[in-house]
Amino acid sequence: MSAMWEVGPEAAAAQLAATIARADQGAGFACVRIYTTPQPASIAVPRTDTPQAEVVLLKPCAAIVDGALVMYPRDVEGTLVMSTGLPRWADWVAADGSIIATSNCTDPANGGGWQLEGGETPAGETSPLLYAGGLVQLGETALT
């Protein structure tokens, strides 16, 4: 049998606070880069694809709300979509350009790591179809 660890709420809050501080390090702003291509096998794989959209975050880029890390986009109305397609994954990128975290993208009804709003989800899909020139918003995405 393998070990099962549980982190206490104080330690979890400290980890989230440290993650926010790390993401905000650098001269720029942290962001969420959204992609339509297949997700790389590892966070360590260099990114060569052009993002479909880049959601720039405020500084601080997030806060801890009820035990969850909640992102703070700079443009609450949404971010411009650069190319039409179905978002498949996104990276949380620190202000210095390093990747903090990566996960899949879906609409809010399908529970992905990044829950996106800004388009209709086609039948049989889990992500909204985003159109170039439209806007995308981060939905109720929260890291715990």
N, C-alpha and C. Protein backbone atom coordinates (compact mmCIF):
# COMPACT_ATOMS: atom_id res chain seq x y z
N MET A 1 0.84 -1.17 0.00
CA MET A 1 0.00 0.00 0.00
C MET A 1 0.89 1.23 0.00
N SER A 2 0.52 2.25 -0.78
CA SER A 2 1.30 3.48 -0.83
C SER A 2 0.79 4.46 0.21
N ALA A 3 1.66 5.36 0.61
CA ALA A 3 1.31 6.35 1.63
C ALA A 3 0.33 7.37 1.09
N MET A 4 -0.51 7.88 1.97
CA MET A 4 -1.49 8.91 1.60
C MET A 4 -1.28 10.09 2.54
N TRP A 5 -0.89 11.23 2.00
CA TRP A 5 -0.64 12.42 2.81
C TRP A 5 -1.79 13.39 2.69
N GLU A 6 -2.05 14.08 3.78
CA GLU A 6 -3.02 15.17 3.77
C GLU A 6 -2.33 16.38 4.38
N VAL A 7 -2.42 17.51 3.69
CA VAL A 7 -1.79 18.75 4.14
C VAL A 7 -2.82 19.54 4.93
N GLY A 8 -2.40 20.07 6.08
CA GLY A 8 -3.29 20.87 6.91
C GLY A 8 -3.64 22.20 6.26
N PRO A 9 -4.73 22.83 6.68
CA PRO A 9 -5.18 24.08 6.05
C PRO A 9 -4.17 25.22 6.16
N GLU A 10 -3.43 25.29 7.26
CA GLU A 10 -2.43 26.36 7.39
C GLU A 10 -1.28 26.17 6.40
N ALA A 11 -0.85 24.92 6.26
CA ALA A 11 0.22 24.63 5.30
C ALA A 11 -0.26 24.86 3.87
N ALA A 12 -1.49 24.47 3.58
CA ALA A 12 -2.05 24.68 2.24
C ALA A 12 -2.13 26.17 1.92
N ALA A 13 -2.58 26.97 2.88
CA ALA A 13 -2.66 28.42 2.66
C ALA A 13 -1.27 29.02 2.43
N ALA A 14 -0.27 28.53 3.16
CA ALA A 14 1.10 29.02 2.97
C ALA A 14 1.62 28.65 1.58
N GLN A 15 1.30 27.44 1.12
CA GLN A 15 1.72 27.03 -0.22
C GLN A 15 1.07 27.90 -1.30
N LEU A 16 -0.22 28.18 -1.14
CA LEU A 16 -0.90 29.03 -2.12
C LEU A 16 -0.33 30.45 -2.11
N ALA A 17 -0.07 31.00 -0.92
CA ALA A 17 0.51 32.34 -0.82
C ALA A 17 1.89 32.39 -1.48
N ALA A 18 2.69 31.35 -1.27
CA ALA A 18 4.01 31.29 -1.90
C ALA A 18 3.90 31.19 -3.42
N THR A 19 2.90 30.47 -3.91
CA THR A 19 2.69 30.34 -5.35
C THR A 19 2.31 31.68 -5.97
N ILE A 20 1.45 32.43 -5.31
CA ILE A 20 1.09 33.77 -5.79
C ILE A 20 2.34 34.66 -5.84
N ALA A 21 3.11 34.66 -4.75
CA ALA A 21 4.32 35.49 -4.70
C ALA A 21 5.28 35.11 -5.81
N ARG A 22 5.45 33.81 -6.05
CA ARG A 22 6.35 33.36 -7.12
C ARG A 22 5.84 33.79 -8.49
N ALA A 23 4.54 33.69 -8.72
CA ALA A 23 3.98 34.07 -10.02
C ALA A 23 4.17 35.55 -10.30
N ASP A 24 4.16 36.38 -9.27
CA ASP A 24 4.28 37.82 -9.46
C ASP A 24 5.72 38.31 -9.56
N GLN A 25 6.70 37.43 -9.37
CA GLN A 25 8.11 37.83 -9.49
C GLN A 25 8.44 38.14 -10.94
N GLY A 26 9.06 39.27 -11.14
CA GLY A 26 9.46 39.67 -12.49
C GLY A 26 8.92 41.03 -12.83
N ALA A 27 9.46 41.60 -13.88
CA ALA A 27 9.10 42.97 -14.27
C ALA A 27 7.72 43.05 -14.93
N GLY A 28 7.27 41.98 -15.53
CA GLY A 28 5.99 42.01 -16.25
C GLY A 28 4.84 41.61 -15.36
N PHE A 29 3.83 41.03 -15.98
CA PHE A 29 2.65 40.56 -15.28
C PHE A 29 2.47 39.07 -15.55
N ALA A 30 2.00 38.35 -14.57
CA ALA A 30 1.64 36.95 -14.78
C ALA A 30 0.47 36.90 -15.76
N CYS A 31 0.27 35.75 -16.41
CA CYS A 31 -0.81 35.62 -17.37
C CYS A 31 -1.23 34.16 -17.48
N VAL A 32 -2.34 33.95 -18.15
CA VAL A 32 -2.80 32.61 -18.50
C VAL A 32 -2.80 32.54 -20.02
N ARG A 33 -1.98 31.66 -20.58
CA ARG A 33 -1.89 31.47 -22.03
C ARG A 33 -2.74 30.27 -22.42
N ILE A 34 -3.66 30.49 -23.34
CA ILE A 34 -4.64 29.49 -23.75
C ILE A 34 -4.26 28.96 -25.13
N TYR A 35 -4.31 27.62 -25.30
CA TYR A 35 -3.88 26.98 -26.54
C TYR A 35 -4.96 26.06 -27.10
N THR A 36 -4.96 25.92 -28.43
CA THR A 36 -5.89 25.02 -29.11
C THR A 36 -5.23 23.71 -29.53
N THR A 37 -3.94 23.61 -29.37
CA THR A 37 -3.17 22.44 -29.81
C THR A 37 -3.21 21.33 -28.74
N PRO A 38 -2.75 20.13 -29.07
CA PRO A 38 -2.67 19.09 -28.04
C PRO A 38 -1.73 19.52 -26.91
N GLN A 39 -2.12 19.21 -25.68
CA GLN A 39 -1.33 19.59 -24.51
C GLN A 39 -0.03 18.78 -24.47
N PRO A 40 1.10 19.45 -24.20
CA PRO A 40 2.37 18.72 -24.08
C PRO A 40 2.30 17.67 -22.97
N ALA A 41 3.14 16.66 -23.08
CA ALA A 41 3.14 15.56 -22.12
C ALA A 41 3.62 15.99 -20.73
N SER A 42 4.34 17.10 -20.66
CA SER A 42 4.91 17.54 -19.40
C SER A 42 5.01 19.06 -19.36
N ILE A 43 4.97 19.61 -18.17
CA ILE A 43 5.15 21.05 -18.00
C ILE A 43 6.56 21.47 -18.41
N ALA A 44 7.50 20.54 -18.42
CA ALA A 44 8.89 20.82 -18.76
C ALA A 44 9.14 20.92 -20.26
N VAL A 45 8.18 20.48 -21.09
CA VAL A 45 8.35 20.55 -22.55
C VAL A 45 8.29 22.01 -22.99
N PRO A 46 9.29 22.49 -23.75
CA PRO A 46 9.27 23.89 -24.20
C PRO A 46 8.02 24.19 -25.03
N ARG A 47 7.47 25.37 -24.85
CA ARG A 47 6.26 25.79 -25.56
C ARG A 47 6.66 26.47 -26.86
N THR A 48 6.16 25.93 -27.98
CA THR A 48 6.45 26.52 -29.29
C THR A 48 5.18 26.96 -30.01
N ASP A 49 4.01 26.60 -29.47
CA ASP A 49 2.74 26.95 -30.11
C ASP A 49 2.37 28.40 -29.82
N THR A 50 1.61 28.99 -30.73
CA THR A 50 1.10 30.35 -30.53
C THR A 50 -0.18 30.27 -29.71
N PRO A 51 -0.27 31.04 -28.63
CA PRO A 51 -1.50 31.00 -27.83
C PRO A 51 -2.71 31.53 -28.60
N GLN A 52 -3.86 30.96 -28.30
CA GLN A 52 -5.12 31.46 -28.84
C GLN A 52 -5.48 32.78 -28.18
N ALA A 53 -5.16 32.92 -26.92
CA ALA A 53 -5.41 34.14 -26.16
C ALA A 53 -4.45 34.16 -24.98
N GLU A 54 -4.22 35.36 -24.46
CA GLU A 54 -3.36 35.52 -23.28
C GLU A 54 -4.08 36.44 -22.30
N VAL A 55 -4.55 35.86 -21.20
CA VAL A 55 -5.25 36.61 -20.17
C VAL A 55 -4.22 37.18 -19.21
N VAL A 56 -4.00 38.49 -19.27
CA VAL A 56 -3.04 39.15 -18.38
C VAL A 56 -3.70 39.33 -17.02
N LEU A 57 -2.92 39.05 -15.97
CA LEU A 57 -3.42 39.14 -14.61
C LEU A 57 -2.89 40.40 -13.92
N LEU A 58 -3.61 40.86 -12.92
CA LEU A 58 -3.17 41.99 -12.11
C LEU A 58 -1.98 41.58 -11.25
N LYS A 59 -1.41 42.57 -10.55
CA LYS A 59 -0.39 42.30 -9.53
C LYS A 59 -0.94 42.79 -8.21
N PRO A 60 -1.21 41.98 -7.23
CA PRO A 60 -1.01 40.54 -7.23
C PRO A 60 -1.96 39.84 -8.21
N CYS A 61 -1.50 38.71 -8.74
CA CYS A 61 -2.23 38.01 -9.79
C CYS A 61 -3.40 37.19 -9.26
N ALA A 62 -3.43 36.98 -7.95
CA ALA A 62 -4.46 36.14 -7.35
C ALA A 62 -4.54 36.45 -5.87
N ALA A 63 -5.54 35.86 -5.24
CA ALA A 63 -5.69 35.95 -3.79
C ALA A 63 -6.25 34.63 -3.29
N ILE A 64 -6.11 34.41 -2.00
CA ILE A 64 -6.68 33.21 -1.38
C ILE A 64 -8.05 33.60 -0.83
N VAL A 65 -9.08 32.96 -1.36
CA VAL A 65 -10.46 33.22 -0.97
C VAL A 65 -11.08 31.90 -0.51
N ASP A 66 -11.48 31.84 0.73
CA ASP A 66 -12.07 30.62 1.29
C ASP A 66 -11.22 29.38 1.03
N GLY A 67 -9.91 29.53 1.17
CA GLY A 67 -9.01 28.41 1.02
C GLY A 67 -8.61 28.05 -0.40
N ALA A 68 -9.07 28.83 -1.38
CA ALA A 68 -8.73 28.56 -2.78
C ALA A 68 -8.04 29.78 -3.39
N LEU A 69 -7.11 29.52 -4.30
CA LEU A 69 -6.42 30.57 -5.02
C LEU A 69 -7.32 31.01 -6.18
N VAL A 70 -7.69 32.27 -6.19
CA VAL A 70 -8.59 32.81 -7.21
C VAL A 70 -7.83 33.85 -8.04
N MET A 71 -7.83 33.68 -9.36
CA MET A 71 -7.11 34.57 -10.27
C MET A 71 -7.79 35.93 -10.41
N TYR A 72 -6.96 36.98 -10.65
CA TYR A 72 -7.46 38.33 -10.87
C TYR A 72 -7.06 38.83 -12.26
N PRO A 73 -7.91 38.62 -13.27
CA PRO A 73 -7.60 39.13 -14.62
C PRO A 73 -7.57 40.66 -14.64
N ARG A 74 -6.69 41.22 -15.45
CA ARG A 74 -6.60 42.67 -15.59
C ARG A 74 -7.84 43.22 -16.27
N ASP A 75 -8.32 42.53 -17.31
CA ASP A 75 -9.49 42.98 -18.07
C ASP A 75 -10.67 42.09 -17.70
N VAL A 76 -11.51 42.56 -16.80
CA VAL A 76 -12.62 41.72 -16.32
C VAL A 76 -13.66 41.47 -17.40
N GLU A 77 -13.74 42.33 -18.41
CA GLU A 77 -14.71 42.12 -19.50
C GLU A 77 -14.28 41.00 -20.42
N GLY A 78 -13.00 40.66 -20.40
CA GLY A 78 -12.50 39.60 -21.25
C GLY A 78 -11.24 39.99 -21.99
N THR A 79 -10.61 39.00 -22.56
CA THR A 79 -9.36 39.16 -23.31
C THR A 79 -9.60 38.80 -24.76
N LEU A 80 -8.99 39.54 -25.66
CA LEU A 80 -9.15 39.32 -27.09
C LEU A 80 -8.65 37.95 -27.51
N VAL A 81 -9.48 37.22 -28.26
CA VAL A 81 -9.13 35.93 -28.83
C VAL A 81 -8.43 36.19 -30.16
N MET A 82 -7.27 35.58 -30.36
CA MET A 82 -6.47 35.84 -31.56
C MET A 82 -6.75 34.87 -32.71
N SER A 83 -7.27 33.67 -32.39
CA SER A 83 -7.56 32.71 -33.46
C SER A 83 -8.77 31.87 -33.07
N THR A 84 -9.54 31.48 -34.07
CA THR A 84 -10.74 30.68 -33.85
C THR A 84 -10.36 29.23 -33.54
N GLY A 85 -11.04 28.65 -32.56
CA GLY A 85 -10.79 27.25 -32.24
C GLY A 85 -11.30 26.88 -30.86
N LEU A 86 -11.11 25.61 -30.54
CA LEU A 86 -11.49 25.08 -29.24
C LEU A 86 -10.28 25.09 -28.31
N PRO A 87 -10.33 25.82 -27.21
CA PRO A 87 -9.20 25.80 -26.27
C PRO A 87 -9.08 24.44 -25.61
N ARG A 88 -7.88 23.89 -25.58
CA ARG A 88 -7.65 22.55 -25.04
C ARG A 88 -6.87 22.56 -23.73
N TRP A 89 -5.99 23.55 -23.54
CA TRP A 89 -5.17 23.61 -22.34
C TRP A 89 -4.65 25.03 -22.18
N ALA A 90 -4.15 25.32 -20.99
CA ALA A 90 -3.59 26.65 -20.73
C ALA A 90 -2.49 26.54 -19.68
N ASP A 91 -1.55 27.47 -19.76
CA ASP A 91 -0.47 27.60 -18.79
C ASP A 91 -0.69 28.85 -17.96
N TRP A 92 -0.43 28.76 -16.67
CA TRP A 92 -0.29 29.93 -15.81
C TRP A 92 1.18 30.29 -15.87
N VAL A 93 1.49 31.46 -16.41
CA VAL A 93 2.85 31.89 -16.65
C VAL A 93 3.19 33.04 -15.70
N ALA A 94 4.32 32.93 -15.02
CA ALA A 94 4.77 33.95 -14.07
C ALA A 94 5.18 35.22 -14.80
N ALA A 95 5.30 36.29 -14.04
CA ALA A 95 5.71 37.58 -14.59
C ALA A 95 7.08 37.52 -15.25
N ASP A 96 7.92 36.57 -14.83
CA ASP A 96 9.24 36.43 -15.44
C ASP A 96 9.27 35.44 -16.60
N GLY A 97 8.09 34.88 -16.96
CA GLY A 97 8.00 33.98 -18.11
C GLY A 97 8.05 32.50 -17.79
N SER A 98 8.33 32.12 -16.56
CA SER A 98 8.36 30.70 -16.23
C SER A 98 6.94 30.17 -16.03
N ILE A 99 6.77 28.89 -16.29
CA ILE A 99 5.44 28.29 -16.17
C ILE A 99 5.22 27.84 -14.73
N ILE A 100 4.13 28.30 -14.14
CA ILE A 100 3.77 27.95 -12.76
C ILE A 100 2.95 26.67 -12.74
N ALA A 101 1.95 26.58 -13.61
CA ALA A 101 1.06 25.43 -13.63
C ALA A 101 0.42 25.30 -15.00
N THR A 102 -0.08 24.11 -15.30
CA THR A 102 -0.76 23.86 -16.57
C THR A 102 -1.94 22.93 -16.31
N SER A 103 -2.98 23.07 -17.11
CA SER A 103 -4.14 22.19 -16.97
C SER A 103 -4.97 22.26 -18.24
N ASN A 104 -5.98 21.39 -18.28
CA ASN A 104 -6.89 21.36 -19.43
C ASN A 104 -7.89 22.52 -19.35
N CYS A 105 -8.52 22.83 -20.47
CA CYS A 105 -9.55 23.88 -20.55
C CYS A 105 -10.90 23.24 -20.87
N THR A 106 -11.94 23.74 -20.22
CA THR A 106 -13.31 23.35 -20.55
C THR A 106 -14.20 24.56 -20.34
N ASP A 107 -15.49 24.37 -20.60
CA ASP A 107 -16.47 25.36 -20.18
C ASP A 107 -16.76 25.10 -18.69
N PRO A 108 -17.49 25.99 -18.01
CA PRO A 108 -17.77 25.79 -16.58
C PRO A 108 -18.55 24.51 -16.27
N ALA A 109 -19.36 24.03 -17.19
CA ALA A 109 -20.17 22.85 -16.94
C ALA A 109 -19.36 21.55 -16.92
N ASN A 110 -18.14 21.58 -17.46
CA ASN A 110 -17.36 20.35 -17.60
C ASN A 110 -16.17 20.24 -16.66
N GLY A 111 -15.98 21.20 -15.77
CA GLY A 111 -15.05 21.07 -14.66
C GLY A 111 -13.58 20.95 -14.96
N GLY A 112 -13.09 21.57 -16.01
CA GLY A 112 -11.66 21.52 -16.31
C GLY A 112 -10.85 22.36 -15.33
N GLY A 113 -9.54 22.21 -15.42
CA GLY A 113 -8.65 23.01 -14.58
C GLY A 113 -8.81 24.49 -14.86
N TRP A 114 -8.93 24.85 -16.13
CA TRP A 114 -9.24 26.22 -16.55
C TRP A 114 -10.65 26.19 -17.12
N GLN A 115 -11.55 26.90 -16.50
CA GLN A 115 -12.94 26.96 -16.97
C GLN A 115 -13.14 28.30 -17.67
N LEU A 116 -13.40 28.23 -18.97
CA LEU A 116 -13.45 29.41 -19.81
C LEU A 116 -14.86 29.74 -20.24
N GLU A 117 -15.11 31.04 -20.40
CA GLU A 117 -16.38 31.55 -20.90
C GLU A 117 -16.10 32.46 -22.08
N GLY A 118 -17.06 32.52 -23.00
CA GLY A 118 -16.89 33.41 -24.14
C GLY A 118 -17.35 32.81 -25.45
N GLY A 119 -17.89 31.63 -25.42
CA GLY A 119 -18.38 31.00 -26.63
C GLY A 119 -19.33 29.88 -26.27
N GLU A 120 -19.96 29.34 -27.28
CA GLU A 120 -20.86 28.20 -27.10
C GLU A 120 -20.06 26.90 -27.25
N THR A 121 -20.41 25.91 -26.46
CA THR A 121 -19.74 24.62 -26.54
C THR A 121 -20.48 23.74 -27.55
N PRO A 122 -19.80 23.32 -28.63
CA PRO A 122 -20.45 22.47 -29.63
C PRO A 122 -20.84 21.12 -29.04
N ALA A 123 -21.84 20.51 -29.61
CA ALA A 123 -22.28 19.18 -29.18
C ALA A 123 -21.10 18.21 -29.21
N GLY A 124 -20.95 17.42 -28.17
CA GLY A 124 -19.88 16.44 -28.10
C GLY A 124 -18.55 17.00 -27.62
N GLU A 125 -18.47 18.29 -27.37
CA GLU A 125 -17.23 18.92 -26.91
C GLU A 125 -17.37 19.33 -25.44
N THR A 126 -16.26 19.67 -24.82
CA THR A 126 -16.26 20.14 -23.44
C THR A 126 -15.78 21.58 -23.31
N SER A 127 -15.23 22.14 -24.38
CA SER A 127 -14.72 23.51 -24.37
C SER A 127 -15.56 24.41 -25.28
N PRO A 128 -15.65 25.68 -24.93
CA PRO A 128 -16.40 26.60 -25.79
C PRO A 128 -15.61 26.91 -27.06
N LEU A 129 -16.31 27.04 -28.17
CA LEU A 129 -15.68 27.46 -29.41
C LEU A 129 -15.47 28.96 -29.33
N LEU A 130 -14.21 29.39 -29.39
CA LEU A 130 -13.87 30.81 -29.31
C LEU A 130 -13.54 31.32 -30.71
N TYR A 131 -14.00 32.52 -31.01
CA TYR A 131 -13.80 33.11 -32.33
C TYR A 131 -12.79 34.25 -32.27
N ALA A 132 -11.91 34.31 -33.28
CA ALA A 132 -10.96 35.42 -33.38
C ALA A 132 -11.72 36.73 -33.36
N GLY A 133 -11.24 37.66 -32.56
CA GLY A 133 -11.89 38.96 -32.42
C GLY A 133 -12.90 39.01 -31.29
N GLY A 134 -13.27 37.83 -30.75
CA GLY A 134 -14.18 37.78 -29.61
C GLY A 134 -13.41 37.90 -28.32
N LEU A 135 -14.12 37.75 -27.22
CA LEU A 135 -13.50 37.85 -25.90
C LEU A 135 -13.63 36.52 -25.15
N VAL A 136 -12.62 36.22 -24.34
CA VAL A 136 -12.64 35.04 -23.48
C VAL A 136 -12.44 35.52 -22.05
N GLN A 137 -13.10 34.85 -21.12
CA GLN A 137 -12.96 35.16 -19.70
C GLN A 137 -12.62 33.88 -18.94
N LEU A 138 -11.86 34.06 -17.87
CA LEU A 138 -11.65 32.95 -16.95
C LEU A 138 -12.92 32.79 -16.15
N GLY A 139 -13.46 31.59 -16.11
CA GLY A 139 -14.64 31.34 -15.31
C GLY A 139 -14.23 31.13 -13.85
N GLU A 140 -14.98 30.32 -13.15
CA GLU A 140 -14.74 30.07 -11.73
C GLU A 140 -13.55 29.14 -11.54
N THR A 141 -12.43 29.51 -12.09
CA THR A 141 -11.21 28.72 -11.96
C THR A 141 -10.56 29.03 -10.63
N ALA A 142 -10.30 28.02 -9.82
CA ALA A 142 -9.65 28.22 -8.53
C ALA A 142 -8.75 27.04 -8.24
N LEU A 143 -7.55 27.33 -7.79
CA LEU A 143 -6.58 26.31 -7.44
C LEU A 143 -6.64 26.07 -5.94
N THR A 144 -6.74 24.81 -5.53
CA THR A 144 -6.79 24.51 -4.10
C THR A 144 -5.63 23.62 -3.71
